[in-house]
Amino acid sequence: MFMKATSSKRTRSRKLPALNKSNKGFVGILAAELYFPENGSLKGKRMYLRRVRDQLTRRHGASFAEIGHQDLWQRSRVIAAVAASDLQVLEEVLDRVRAYLDSQEWVLTSCTTEVVDVDA
């Protein structure tokens, strides 16, 4: 016969932190066109995009994907998405992402952002 082990210690339930009263979240989407004037191959382009992906995901917590010009070795269309519960924090993150993309050796030819609010 199998006996279930029990503990004589009494456990206390922990209070959960107060949830966001508004139950609202925000998703920021940044779409950018990048131009790599010094690049000479698709392999070189992948190196740049890997660096972009690593920076955006590690430093800014963004999801990242190349969505266009995958067959061209000097151009790329990329998208980054960030989620937050505070609109001001989200806008600051999107501004930092844009500043990063604009400060590197490639050329940021266009950049658009969109914020979507989500009711939970």
PDB file of N, CA and C in Angstrom:
ATOM      1  N   MET A   1       0.843  -1.177   0.000  1.00  0.00           N
ATOM      2  CA  MET A   1       0.000   0.000   0.000  1.00  0.00           C
ATOM      3  C   MET A   1       0.886   1.237   0.000  1.00  0.00           C
ATOM      4  N   PHE A   2       0.545   2.216  -0.830  1.00  0.00           N
ATOM      5  CA  PHE A   2       1.327   3.438  -0.964  1.00  0.00           C
ATOM      6  C   PHE A   2       0.796   4.495  -0.013  1.00  0.00           C
ATOM      7  N   MET A   3       1.712   5.093   0.765  1.00  0.00           N
ATOM      8  CA  MET A   3       1.309   6.125   1.716  1.00  0.00           C
ATOM      9  C   MET A   3       1.832   7.473   1.223  1.00  0.00           C
ATOM     10  N   LYS A   4       1.017   8.453   1.268  1.00  0.00           N
ATOM     11  CA  LYS A   4       1.414   9.797   0.866  1.00  0.00           C
ATOM     12  C   LYS A   4       2.152  10.462   2.020  1.00  0.00           C
ATOM     13  N   ALA A   5       3.299  11.028   1.719  1.00  0.00           N
ATOM     14  CA  ALA A   5       4.068  11.705   2.753  1.00  0.00           C
ATOM     15  C   ALA A   5       3.412  13.037   3.089  1.00  0.00           C
ATOM     16  N   THR A   6       3.379  13.323   4.377  1.00  0.00           N
ATOM     17  CA  THR A   6       2.807  14.595   4.812  1.00  0.00           C
ATOM     18  C   THR A   6       3.822  15.310   5.670  1.00  0.00           C
ATOM     19  N   SER A   7       3.624  16.574   5.781  1.00  0.00           N
ATOM     20  CA  SER A   7       4.523  17.382   6.586  1.00  0.00           C
ATOM     21  C   SER A   7       3.754  17.939   7.764  1.00  0.00           C
ATOM     22  N   SER A   8       4.408  18.025   8.891  1.00  0.00           N
ATOM     23  CA  SER A   8       3.748  18.582  10.057  1.00  0.00           C
ATOM     24  C   SER A   8       3.881  20.103  10.081  1.00  0.00           C
ATOM     25  N   LYS A   9       4.746  20.646   9.199  1.00  0.00           N
ATOM     26  CA  LYS A   9       4.904  22.094   9.163  1.00  0.00           C
ATOM     27  C   LYS A   9       3.703  22.730   8.488  1.00  0.00           C
ATOM     28  N   ARG A  10       3.266  23.766   9.074  1.00  0.00           N
ATOM     29  CA  ARG A  10       2.139  24.495   8.493  1.00  0.00           C
ATOM     30  C   ARG A  10       2.694  25.545   7.532  1.00  0.00           C
ATOM     31  N   THR A  11       2.166  25.587   6.345  1.00  0.00           N
ATOM     32  CA  THR A  11       2.641  26.574   5.370  1.00  0.00           C
ATOM     33  C   THR A  11       1.733  27.784   5.387  1.00  0.00           C
ATOM     34  N   ARG A  12       2.349  28.927   5.225  1.00  0.00           N
ATOM     35  CA  ARG A  12       1.591  30.170   5.169  1.00  0.00           C
ATOM     36  C   ARG A  12       1.419  30.565   3.714  1.00  0.00           C
ATOM     37  N   SER A  13       0.245  31.002   3.411  1.00  0.00           N
ATOM     38  CA  SER A  13       0.043  31.482   2.043  1.00  0.00           C
ATOM     39  C   SER A  13       0.623  32.888   1.939  1.00  0.00           C
ATOM     40  N   ARG A  14       1.316  33.119   0.844  1.00  0.00           N
ATOM     41  CA  ARG A  14       1.913  34.432   0.617  1.00  0.00           C
ATOM     42  C   ARG A  14       0.933  35.311  -0.130  1.00  0.00           C
ATOM     43  N   LYS A  15       0.942  36.564   0.230  1.00  0.00           N
ATOM     44  CA  LYS A  15       0.112  37.496  -0.511  1.00  0.00           C
ATOM     45  C   LYS A  15       0.793  37.805  -1.828  1.00  0.00           C
ATOM     46  N   LEU A  16       0.024  37.777  -2.889  1.00  0.00           N
ATOM     47  CA  LEU A  16       0.553  38.129  -4.189  1.00  0.00           C
ATOM     48  C   LEU A  16       0.599  39.645  -4.309  1.00  0.00           C
ATOM     49  N   PRO A  17       1.570  40.160  -5.064  1.00  0.00           N
ATOM     50  CA  PRO A  17       1.628  41.615  -5.239  1.00  0.00           C
ATOM     51  C   PRO A  17       0.365  42.100  -5.953  1.00  0.00           C
ATOM     52  N   ALA A  18       0.010  43.338  -5.680  1.00  0.00           N
ATOM     53  CA  ALA A  18      -1.183  43.915  -6.301  1.00  0.00           C
ATOM     54  C   ALA A  18      -1.008  43.958  -7.812  1.00  0.00           C
ATOM     55  N   LEU A  19      -2.012  43.513  -8.500  1.00  0.00           N
ATOM     56  CA  LEU A  19      -1.960  43.516  -9.953  1.00  0.00           C
ATOM     57  C   LEU A  19      -2.256  44.909 -10.479  1.00  0.00           C
ATOM     58  N   ASN A  20      -1.825  45.159 -11.700  1.00  0.00           N
ATOM     59  CA  ASN A  20      -2.122  46.415 -12.364  1.00  0.00           C
ATOM     60  C   ASN A  20      -3.641  46.573 -12.411  1.00  0.00           C
ATOM     61  N   LYS A  21      -4.150  47.609 -11.786  1.00  0.00           N
ATOM     62  CA  LYS A  21      -5.596  47.789 -11.674  1.00  0.00           C
ATOM     63  C   LYS A  21      -6.254  47.991 -13.032  1.00  0.00           C
ATOM     64  N   SER A  22      -5.530  48.600 -13.968  1.00  0.00           N
ATOM     65  CA  SER A  22      -6.156  48.892 -15.255  1.00  0.00           C
ATOM     66  C   SER A  22      -6.203  47.654 -16.150  1.00  0.00           C
ATOM     67  N   ASN A  23      -5.409  46.636 -15.845  1.00  0.00           N
ATOM     68  CA  ASN A  23      -5.341  45.434 -16.673  1.00  0.00           C
ATOM     69  C   ASN A  23      -5.089  45.768 -18.139  1.00  0.00           C
ATOM     70  N   LYS A  24      -4.243  46.730 -18.357  1.00  0.00           N
ATOM     71  CA  LYS A  24      -3.949  47.167 -19.712  1.00  0.00           C
ATOM     72  C   LYS A  24      -2.462  46.937 -19.976  1.00  0.00           C
ATOM     73  N   GLY A  25      -2.159  46.513 -21.183  1.00  0.00           N
ATOM     74  CA  GLY A  25      -0.783  46.329 -21.596  1.00  0.00           C
ATOM     75  C   GLY A  25      -0.565  47.030 -22.921  1.00  0.00           C
ATOM     76  N   PHE A  26       0.684  47.169 -23.294  1.00  0.00           N
ATOM     77  CA  PHE A  26       1.030  47.857 -24.527  1.00  0.00           C
ATOM     78  C   PHE A  26       2.080  47.045 -25.275  1.00  0.00           C
ATOM     79  N   VAL A  27       1.975  47.039 -26.590  1.00  0.00           N
ATOM     80  CA  VAL A  27       2.962  46.406 -27.447  1.00  0.00           C
ATOM     81  C   VAL A  27       3.461  47.468 -28.415  1.00  0.00           C
ATOM     82  N   GLY A  28       4.766  47.642 -28.426  1.00  0.00           N
ATOM     83  CA  GLY A  28       5.381  48.586 -29.353  1.00  0.00           C
ATOM     84  C   GLY A  28       6.038  47.833 -30.492  1.00  0.00           C
ATOM     85  N   ILE A  29       5.807  48.303 -31.701  1.00  0.00           N
ATOM     86  CA  ILE A  29       6.364  47.669 -32.892  1.00  0.00           C
ATOM     87  C   ILE A  29       7.206  48.698 -33.624  1.00  0.00           C
ATOM     88  N   LEU A  30       8.448  48.352 -33.884  1.00  0.00           N
ATOM     89  CA  LEU A  30       9.360  49.229 -34.614  1.00  0.00           C
ATOM     90  C   LEU A  30       9.775  48.511 -35.892  1.00  0.00           C
ATOM     91  N   ALA A  31       9.528  49.146 -37.031  1.00  0.00           N
ATOM     92  CA  ALA A  31       9.943  48.595 -38.319  1.00  0.00           C
ATOM     93  C   ALA A  31      11.009  49.523 -38.887  1.00  0.00           C
ATOM     94  N   ALA A  32      12.115  48.941 -39.374  1.00  0.00           N
ATOM     95  CA  ALA A  32      13.234  49.755 -39.849  1.00  0.00           C
ATOM     96  C   ALA A  32      13.825  49.160 -41.122  1.00  0.00           C
ATOM     97  N   GLU A  33      14.345  50.045 -41.957  1.00  0.00           N
ATOM     98  CA  GLU A  33      15.105  49.660 -43.150  1.00  0.00           C
ATOM     99  C   GLU A  33      16.565  49.985 -42.859  1.00  0.00           C
ATOM    100  N   LEU A  34      17.430  49.004 -43.045  1.00  0.00           N
ATOM    101  CA  LEU A  34      18.864  49.189 -42.812  1.00  0.00           C
ATOM    102  C   LEU A  34      19.612  49.030 -44.128  1.00  0.00           C
ATOM    103  N   TYR A  35      20.655  49.830 -44.287  1.00  0.00           N
ATOM    104  CA  TYR A  35      21.513  49.757 -45.468  1.00  0.00           C
ATOM    105  C   TYR A  35      22.944  49.555 -44.986  1.00  0.00           C
ATOM    106  N   PHE A  36      23.611  48.547 -45.537  1.00  0.00           N
ATOM    107  CA  PHE A  36      24.979  48.191 -45.142  1.00  0.00           C
ATOM    108  C   PHE A  36      25.929  48.533 -46.291  1.00  0.00           C
ATOM    109  N   PRO A  37      26.443  49.769 -46.373  1.00  0.00           N
ATOM    110  CA  PRO A  37      27.240  50.175 -47.534  1.00  0.00           C
ATOM    111  C   PRO A  37      28.581  49.443 -47.647  1.00  0.00           C
ATOM    112  N   GLU A  38      29.152  49.018 -46.544  1.00  0.00           N
ATOM    113  CA  GLU A  38      30.459  48.366 -46.561  1.00  0.00           C
ATOM    114  C   GLU A  38      30.367  46.858 -46.743  1.00  0.00           C
ATOM    115  N   ASN A  39      29.162  46.322 -46.761  1.00  0.00           N
ATOM    116  CA  ASN A  39      28.974  44.882 -46.798  1.00  0.00           C
ATOM    117  C   ASN A  39      29.125  44.341 -48.217  1.00  0.00           C
ATOM    118  N   GLY A  40      29.685  43.133 -48.337  1.00  0.00           N
ATOM    119  CA  GLY A  40      29.898  42.548 -49.646  1.00  0.00           C
ATOM    120  C   GLY A  40      29.303  41.169 -49.850  1.00  0.00           C
ATOM    121  N   SER A  41      28.554  40.652 -48.863  1.00  0.00           N
ATOM    122  CA  SER A  41      28.005  39.301 -49.017  1.00  0.00           C
ATOM    123  C   SER A  41      26.831  39.099 -48.064  1.00  0.00           C
ATOM    124  N   LEU A  42      26.046  38.066 -48.330  1.00  0.00           N
ATOM    125  CA  LEU A  42      24.960  37.710 -47.419  1.00  0.00           C
ATOM    126  C   LEU A  42      25.494  37.247 -46.072  1.00  0.00           C
ATOM    127  N   LYS A  43      26.654  36.620 -46.094  1.00  0.00           N
ATOM    128  CA  LYS A  43      27.283  36.175 -44.851  1.00  0.00           C
ATOM    129  C   LYS A  43      27.622  37.376 -43.959  1.00  0.00           C
ATOM    130  N   GLY A  44      28.134  38.434 -44.560  1.00  0.00           N
ATOM    131  CA  GLY A  44      28.428  39.656 -43.810  1.00  0.00           C
ATOM    132  C   GLY A  44      27.166  40.302 -43.261  1.00  0.00           C
ATOM    133  N   LYS A  45      26.106  40.280 -44.062  1.00  0.00           N
ATOM    134  CA  LYS A  45      24.830  40.836 -43.618  1.00  0.00           C
ATOM    135  C   LYS A  45      24.302  40.056 -42.418  1.00  0.00           C
ATOM    136  N   ARG A  46      24.403  38.731 -42.458  1.00  0.00           N
ATOM    137  CA  ARG A  46      23.960  37.920 -41.319  1.00  0.00           C
ATOM    138  C   ARG A  46      24.732  38.265 -40.055  1.00  0.00           C
ATOM    139  N   MET A  47      26.017  38.601 -40.201  1.00  0.00           N
ATOM    140  CA  MET A  47      26.823  38.997 -39.049  1.00  0.00           C
ATOM    141  C   MET A  47      26.256  40.282 -38.421  1.00  0.00           C
ATOM    142  N   TYR A  48      25.940  41.272 -39.255  1.00  0.00           N
ATOM    143  CA  TYR A  48      25.353  42.508 -38.749  1.00  0.00           C
ATOM    144  C   TYR A  48      24.017  42.229 -38.065  1.00  0.00           C
ATOM    145  N   LEU A  49      23.160  41.455 -38.720  1.00  0.00           N
ATOM    146  CA  LEU A  49      21.833  41.198 -38.171  1.00  0.00           C
ATOM    147  C   LEU A  49      21.897  40.391 -36.880  1.00  0.00           C
ATOM    148  N   ARG A  50      22.865  39.507 -36.763  1.00  0.00           N
ATOM    149  CA  ARG A  50      23.037  38.759 -35.516  1.00  0.00           C
ATOM    150  C   ARG A  50      23.393  39.716 -34.377  1.00  0.00           C
ATOM    151  N   ARG A  51      24.237  40.693 -34.689  1.00  0.00           N
ATOM    152  CA  ARG A  51      24.620  41.681 -33.680  1.00  0.00           C
ATOM    153  C   ARG A  51      23.414  42.540 -33.275  1.00  0.00           C
ATOM    154  N   VAL A  52      22.618  42.941 -34.256  1.00  0.00           N
ATOM    155  CA  VAL A  52      21.409  43.716 -33.960  1.00  0.00           C
ATOM    156  C   VAL A  52      20.470  42.891 -33.078  1.00  0.00           C
ATOM    157  N   ARG A  53      20.213  41.653 -33.485  1.00  0.00           N
ATOM    158  CA  ARG A  53      19.318  40.780 -32.727  1.00  0.00           C
ATOM    159  C   ARG A  53      19.811  40.611 -31.289  1.00  0.00           C
ATOM    160  N   ASP A  54      21.089  40.346 -31.120  1.00  0.00           N
ATOM    161  CA  ASP A  54      21.628  40.141 -29.779  1.00  0.00           C
ATOM    162  C   ASP A  54      21.448  41.382 -28.912  1.00  0.00           C
ATOM    163  N   GLN A  55      21.740  42.563 -29.463  1.00  0.00           N
ATOM    164  CA  GLN A  55      21.586  43.807 -28.700  1.00  0.00           C
ATOM    165  C   GLN A  55      20.129  44.053 -28.322  1.00  0.00           C
ATOM    166  N   LEU A  56      19.239  43.886 -29.288  1.00  0.00           N
ATOM    167  CA  LEU A  56      17.833  44.194 -29.024  1.00  0.00           C
ATOM    168  C   LEU A  56      17.204  43.205 -28.059  1.00  0.00           C
ATOM    169  N   THR A  57      17.543  41.946 -28.174  1.00  0.00           N
ATOM    170  CA  THR A  57      16.930  40.960 -27.282  1.00  0.00           C
ATOM    171  C   THR A  57      17.542  40.993 -25.883  1.00  0.00           C
ATOM    172  N   ARG A  58      18.828  41.125 -25.790  1.00  0.00           N
ATOM    173  CA  ARG A  58      19.482  41.110 -24.471  1.00  0.00           C
ATOM    174  C   ARG A  58      19.346  42.427 -23.728  1.00  0.00           C
ATOM    175  N   ARG A  59      19.622  43.513 -24.399  1.00  0.00           N
ATOM    176  CA  ARG A  59      19.660  44.808 -23.718  1.00  0.00           C
ATOM    177  C   ARG A  59      18.281  45.448 -23.580  1.00  0.00           C
ATOM    178  N   HIS A  60      17.403  45.224 -24.550  1.00  0.00           N
ATOM    179  CA  HIS A  60      16.117  45.920 -24.550  1.00  0.00           C
ATOM    180  C   HIS A  60      14.922  44.987 -24.392  1.00  0.00           C
ATOM    181  N   GLY A  61      15.133  43.684 -24.354  1.00  0.00           N
ATOM    182  CA  GLY A  61      14.050  42.739 -24.164  1.00  0.00           C
ATOM    183  C   GLY A  61      13.072  42.665 -25.327  1.00  0.00           C
ATOM    184  N   ALA A  62      13.548  42.950 -26.512  1.00  0.00           N
ATOM    185  CA  ALA A  62      12.685  42.982 -27.697  1.00  0.00           C
ATOM    186  C   ALA A  62      12.735  41.654 -28.444  1.00  0.00           C
ATOM    187  N   SER A  63      11.675  41.372 -29.145  1.00  0.00           N
ATOM    188  CA  SER A  63      11.675  40.272 -30.119  1.00  0.00           C
ATOM    189  C   SER A  63      12.102  40.872 -31.443  1.00  0.00           C
ATOM    190  N   PHE A  64      12.815  40.097 -32.267  1.00  0.00           N
ATOM    191  CA  PHE A  64      13.423  40.651 -33.476  1.00  0.00           C
ATOM    192  C   PHE A  64      13.287  39.674 -34.631  1.00  0.00           C
ATOM    193  N   ALA A  65      13.063  40.218 -35.829  1.00  0.00           N
ATOM    194  CA  ALA A  65      13.016  39.375 -37.029  1.00  0.00           C
ATOM    195  C   ALA A  65      13.366  40.219 -38.249  1.00  0.00           C
ATOM    196  N   GLU A  66      14.029  39.584 -39.216  1.00  0.00           N
ATOM    197  CA  GLU A  66      14.230  40.206 -40.518  1.00  0.00           C
ATOM    198  C   GLU A  66      13.012  39.832 -41.354  1.00  0.00           C
ATOM    199  N   ILE A  67      12.330  40.836 -41.906  1.00  0.00           N
ATOM    200  CA  ILE A  67      11.083  40.556 -42.613  1.00  0.00           C
ATOM    201  C   ILE A  67      11.137  40.906 -44.099  1.00  0.00           C
ATOM    202  N   GLY A  68      12.220  41.497 -44.546  1.00  0.00           N
ATOM    203  CA  GLY A  68      12.276  41.859 -45.957  1.00  0.00           C
ATOM    204  C   GLY A  68      13.693  41.987 -46.466  1.00  0.00           C
ATOM    205  N   HIS A  69      13.834  41.924 -47.779  1.00  0.00           N
ATOM    206  CA  HIS A  69      15.122  42.046 -48.482  1.00  0.00           C
ATOM    207  C   HIS A  69      16.101  40.953 -48.048  1.00  0.00           C
ATOM    208  N   GLN A  70      15.588  39.763 -47.787  1.00  0.00           N
ATOM    209  CA  GLN A  70      16.456  38.687 -47.325  1.00  0.00           C
ATOM    210  C   GLN A  70      17.439  38.217 -48.388  1.00  0.00           C
ATOM    211  N   ASP A  71      17.138  38.458 -49.647  1.00  0.00           N
ATOM    212  CA  ASP A  71      18.038  38.017 -50.718  1.00  0.00           C
ATOM    213  C   ASP A  71      19.033  39.093 -51.132  1.00  0.00           C
ATOM    214  N   LEU A  72      18.931  40.297 -50.566  1.00  0.00           N
ATOM    215  CA  LEU A  72      19.854  41.383 -50.888  1.00  0.00           C
ATOM    216  C   LEU A  72      20.926  41.470 -49.810  1.00  0.00           C
ATOM    217  N   TRP A  73      22.167  41.717 -50.199  1.00  0.00           N
ATOM    218  CA  TRP A  73      23.241  41.688 -49.218  1.00  0.00           C
ATOM    219  C   TRP A  73      23.581  43.048 -48.638  1.00  0.00           C
ATOM    220  N   GLN A  74      22.983  44.138 -49.168  1.00  0.00           N
ATOM    221  CA  GLN A  74      23.255  45.451 -48.586  1.00  0.00           C
ATOM    222  C   GLN A  74      22.031  46.099 -47.953  1.00  0.00           C
ATOM    223  N   ARG A  75      20.892  45.446 -48.012  1.00  0.00           N
ATOM    224  CA  ARG A  75      19.671  46.016 -47.441  1.00  0.00           C
ATOM    225  C   ARG A  75      18.961  44.984 -46.579  1.00  0.00           C
ATOM    226  N   SER A  76      18.200  45.516 -45.608  1.00  0.00           N
ATOM    227  CA  SER A  76      17.408  44.638 -44.759  1.00  0.00           C
ATOM    228  C   SER A  76      16.223  45.412 -44.208  1.00  0.00           C
ATOM    229  N   ARG A  77      15.115  44.746 -44.106  1.00  0.00           N
ATOM    230  CA  ARG A  77      13.942  45.303 -43.412  1.00  0.00           C
ATOM    231  C   ARG A  77      13.742  44.444 -42.174  1.00  0.00           C
ATOM    232  N   VAL A  78      13.754  45.097 -41.018  1.00  0.00           N
ATOM    233  CA  VAL A  78      13.665  44.381 -39.745  1.00  0.00           C
ATOM    234  C   VAL A  78      12.493  44.923 -38.934  1.00  0.00           C
ATOM    235  N   ILE A  79      12.065  44.099 -37.992  1.00  0.00           N
ATOM    236  CA  ILE A  79      10.995  44.495 -37.085  1.00  0.00           C
ATOM    237  C   ILE A  79      11.377  44.060 -35.672  1.00  0.00           C
ATOM    238  N   ALA A  80      11.051  44.921 -34.713  1.00  0.00           N
ATOM    239  CA  ALA A  80      11.279  44.610 -33.301  1.00  0.00           C
ATOM    240  C   ALA A  80       9.983  44.888 -32.553  1.00  0.00           C
ATOM    241  N   ALA A  81       9.665  44.046 -31.594  1.00  0.00           N
ATOM    242  CA  ALA A  81       8.458  44.214 -30.793  1.00  0.00           C
ATOM    243  C   ALA A  81       8.818  44.158 -29.314  1.00  0.00           C
ATOM    244  N   VAL A  82       8.189  45.048 -28.542  1.00  0.00           N
ATOM    245  CA  VAL A  82       8.425  45.131 -27.108  1.00  0.00           C
ATOM    246  C   VAL A  82       7.074  45.230 -26.414  1.00  0.00           C
ATOM    247  N   ALA A  83       6.915  44.523 -25.310  1.00  0.00           N
ATOM    248  CA  ALA A  83       5.682  44.589 -24.525  1.00  0.00           C
ATOM    249  C   ALA A  83       5.979  45.227 -23.171  1.00  0.00           C
ATOM    250  N   ALA A  84       5.023  46.013 -22.666  1.00  0.00           N
ATOM    251  CA  ALA A  84       5.183  46.655 -21.365  1.00  0.00           C
ATOM    252  C   ALA A  84       3.811  46.964 -20.785  1.00  0.00           C
ATOM    253  N   SER A  85       3.780  47.136 -19.486  1.00  0.00           N
ATOM    254  CA  SER A  85       2.519  47.493 -18.825  1.00  0.00           C
ATOM    255  C   SER A  85       2.394  49.004 -18.645  1.00  0.00           C
ATOM    256  N   ASP A  86       3.451  49.734 -18.922  1.00  0.00           N
ATOM    257  CA  ASP A  86       3.462  51.188 -18.765  1.00  0.00           C
ATOM    258  C   ASP A  86       3.825  51.824 -20.101  1.00  0.00           C
ATOM    259  N   LEU A  87       2.986  52.716 -20.588  1.00  0.00           N
ATOM    260  CA  LEU A  87       3.191  53.334 -21.899  1.00  0.00           C
ATOM    261  C   LEU A  87       4.472  54.160 -21.941  1.00  0.00           C
ATOM    262  N   GLN A  88       4.761  54.888 -20.876  1.00  0.00           N
ATOM    263  CA  GLN A  88       5.968  55.719 -20.850  1.00  0.00           C
ATOM    264  C   GLN A  88       7.234  54.859 -20.918  1.00  0.00           C
ATOM    265  N   VAL A  89       7.254  53.756 -20.199  1.00  0.00           N
ATOM    266  CA  VAL A  89       8.399  52.845 -20.234  1.00  0.00           C
ATOM    267  C   VAL A  89       8.558  52.279 -21.638  1.00  0.00           C
ATOM    268  N   LEU A  90       7.455  51.886 -22.249  1.00  0.00           N
ATOM    269  CA  LEU A  90       7.497  51.342 -23.603  1.00  0.00           C
ATOM    270  C   LEU A  90       8.068  52.353 -24.592  1.00  0.00           C
ATOM    271  N   GLU A  91       7.618  53.598 -24.518  1.00  0.00           N
ATOM    272  CA  GLU A  91       8.120  54.624 -25.434  1.00  0.00           C
ATOM    273  C   GLU A  91       9.613  54.879 -25.224  1.00  0.00           C
ATOM    274  N   GLU A  92      10.080  54.819 -23.975  1.00  0.00           N
ATOM    275  CA  GLU A  92      11.505  54.989 -23.700  1.00  0.00           C
ATOM    276  C   GLU A  92      12.317  53.851 -24.320  1.00  0.00           C
ATOM    277  N   VAL A  93      11.821  52.628 -24.209  1.00  0.00           N
ATOM    278  CA  VAL A  93      12.515  51.479 -24.797  1.00  0.00           C
ATOM    279  C   VAL A  93      12.564  51.612 -26.316  1.00  0.00           C
ATOM    280  N   LEU A  94      11.453  51.974 -26.932  1.00  0.00           N
ATOM    281  CA  LEU A  94      11.431  52.149 -28.389  1.00  0.00           C
ATOM    282  C   LEU A  94      12.393  53.253 -28.834  1.00  0.00           C
ATOM    283  N   ASP A  95      12.481  54.332 -28.048  1.00  0.00           N
ATOM    284  CA  ASP A  95      13.433  55.405 -28.367  1.00  0.00           C
ATOM    285  C   ASP A  95      14.873  54.913 -28.278  1.00  0.00           C
ATOM    286  N   ARG A  96      15.167  54.088 -27.272  1.00  0.00           N
ATOM    287  CA  ARG A  96      16.528  53.541 -27.134  1.00  0.00           C
ATOM    288  C   ARG A  96      16.851  52.576 -28.268  1.00  0.00           C
ATOM    289  N   VAL A  97      15.871  51.787 -28.694  1.00  0.00           N
ATOM    290  CA  VAL A  97      16.082  50.866 -29.817  1.00  0.00           C
ATOM    291  C   VAL A  97      16.382  51.663 -31.082  1.00  0.00           C
ATOM    292  N   ARG A  98      15.596  52.693 -31.337  1.00  0.00           N
ATOM    293  CA  ARG A  98      15.820  53.532 -32.520  1.00  0.00           C
ATOM    294  C   ARG A  98      17.194  54.208 -32.456  1.00  0.00           C
ATOM    295  N   ALA A  99      17.563  54.725 -31.284  1.00  0.00           N
ATOM    296  CA  ALA A  99      18.863  55.376 -31.124  1.00  0.00           C
ATOM    297  C   ALA A  99      19.997  54.387 -31.389  1.00  0.00           C
ATOM    298  N   TYR A 100      19.845  53.148 -30.916  1.00  0.00           N
ATOM    299  CA  TYR A 100      20.868  52.135 -31.178  1.00  0.00           C
ATOM    300  C   TYR A 100      20.994  51.879 -32.675  1.00  0.00           C
ATOM    301  N   LEU A 101      19.869  51.666 -33.343  1.00  0.00           N
ATOM    302  CA  LEU A 101      19.908  51.386 -34.783  1.00  0.00           C
ATOM    303  C   LEU A 101      20.505  52.553 -35.568  1.00  0.00           C
ATOM    304  N   ASP A 102      20.296  53.767 -35.092  1.00  0.00           N
ATOM    305  CA  ASP A 102      20.790  54.950 -35.794  1.00  0.00           C
ATOM    306  C   ASP A 102      22.245  55.273 -35.478  1.00  0.00           C
ATOM    307  N   SER A 103      22.830  54.618 -34.473  1.00  0.00           N
ATOM    308  CA  SER A 103      24.185  54.981 -34.042  1.00  0.00           C
ATOM    309  C   SER A 103      25.271  54.023 -34.532  1.00  0.00           C
ATOM    310  N   GLN A 104      24.929  53.043 -35.341  1.00  0.00           N
ATOM    311  CA  GLN A 104      25.901  52.044 -35.768  1.00  0.00           C
ATOM    312  C   GLN A 104      26.473  52.372 -37.144  1.00  0.00           C
ATOM    313  N   GLU A 105      27.354  51.511 -37.649  1.00  0.00           N
ATOM    314  CA  GLU A 105      28.027  51.782 -38.918  1.00  0.00           C
ATOM    315  C   GLU A 105      27.143  51.592 -40.144  1.00  0.00           C
ATOM    316  N   TRP A 106      25.985  50.967 -39.988  1.00  0.00           N
ATOM    317  CA  TRP A 106      25.051  50.885 -41.103  1.00  0.00           C
ATOM    318  C   TRP A 106      24.221  52.163 -41.136  1.00  0.00           C
ATOM    319  N   VAL A 107      23.421  52.306 -42.185  1.00  0.00           N
ATOM    320  CA  VAL A 107      22.591  53.492 -42.348  1.00  0.00           C
ATOM    321  C   VAL A 107      21.137  53.104 -42.076  1.00  0.00           C
ATOM    322  N   LEU A 108      20.505  53.832 -41.182  1.00  0.00           N
ATOM    323  CA  LEU A 108      19.090  53.643 -40.902  1.00  0.00           C
ATOM    324  C   LEU A 108      18.322  54.497 -41.908  1.00  0.00           C
ATOM    325  N   THR A 109      17.762  53.855 -42.942  1.00  0.00           N
ATOM    326  CA  THR A 109      17.124  54.621 -44.012  1.00  0.00           C
ATOM    327  C   THR A 109      15.687  54.997 -43.697  1.00  0.00           C
ATOM    328  N   SER A 110      14.985  54.188 -42.918  1.00  0.00           N
ATOM    329  CA  SER A 110      13.643  54.549 -42.469  1.00  0.00           C
ATOM    330  C   SER A 110      13.326  53.809 -41.189  1.00  0.00           C
ATOM    331  N   CYS A 111      12.454  54.414 -40.406  1.00  0.00           N
ATOM    332  CA  CYS A 111      12.077  53.795 -39.136  1.00  0.00           C
ATOM    333  C   CYS A 111      10.690  54.297 -38.753  1.00  0.00           C
ATOM    334  N   THR A 112       9.784  53.372 -38.477  1.00  0.00           N
ATOM    335  CA  THR A 112       8.444  53.727 -38.017  1.00  0.00           C
ATOM    336  C   THR A 112       8.133  52.942 -36.756  1.00  0.00           C
ATOM    337  N   THR A 113       7.349  53.553 -35.890  1.00  0.00           N
ATOM    338  CA  THR A 113       6.926  52.871 -34.669  1.00  0.00           C
ATOM    339  C   THR A 113       5.405  52.931 -34.565  1.00  0.00           C
ATOM    340  N   GLU A 114       4.872  51.924 -33.922  1.00  0.00           N
ATOM    341  CA  GLU A 114       3.435  51.859 -33.664  1.00  0.00           C
ATOM    342  C   GLU A 114       3.244  51.248 -32.285  1.00  0.00           C
ATOM    343  N   VAL A 115       2.312  51.796 -31.542  1.00  0.00           N
ATOM    344  CA  VAL A 115       2.002  51.270 -30.216  1.00  0.00           C
ATOM    345  C   VAL A 115       0.549  50.801 -30.224  1.00  0.00           C
ATOM    346  N   VAL A 116       0.356  49.587 -29.757  1.00  0.00           N
ATOM    347  CA  VAL A 116      -0.978  48.990 -29.681  1.00  0.00           C
ATOM    348  C   VAL A 116      -1.288  48.770 -28.209  1.00  0.00           C
ATOM    349  N   ASP A 117      -2.472  49.216 -27.785  1.00  0.00           N
ATOM    350  CA  ASP A 117      -2.848  48.926 -26.395  1.00  0.00           C
ATOM    351  C   ASP A 117      -3.731  47.680 -26.371  1.00  0.00           C
ATOM    352  N   VAL A 118      -3.497  46.883 -25.341  1.00  0.00           N
ATOM    353  CA  VAL A 118      -4.170  45.595 -25.234  1.00  0.00           C
ATOM    354  C   VAL A 118      -4.880  45.553 -23.886  1.00  0.00           C
ATOM    355  N   ASP A 119      -6.166  45.286 -23.914  1.00  0.00           N
ATOM    356  CA  ASP A 119      -6.911  45.102 -22.672  1.00  0.00           C
ATOM    357  C   ASP A 119      -6.832  43.644 -22.270  1.00  0.00           C
ATOM    358  N   ALA A 120      -6.389  43.412 -21.044  1.00  0.00           N
ATOM    359  CA  ALA A 120      -6.249  42.029 -20.593  1.00  0.00           C
ATOM    360  C   ALA A 120      -7.498  41.554 -19.911  1.00  0.00           C
TER     361      ALA A 120
END
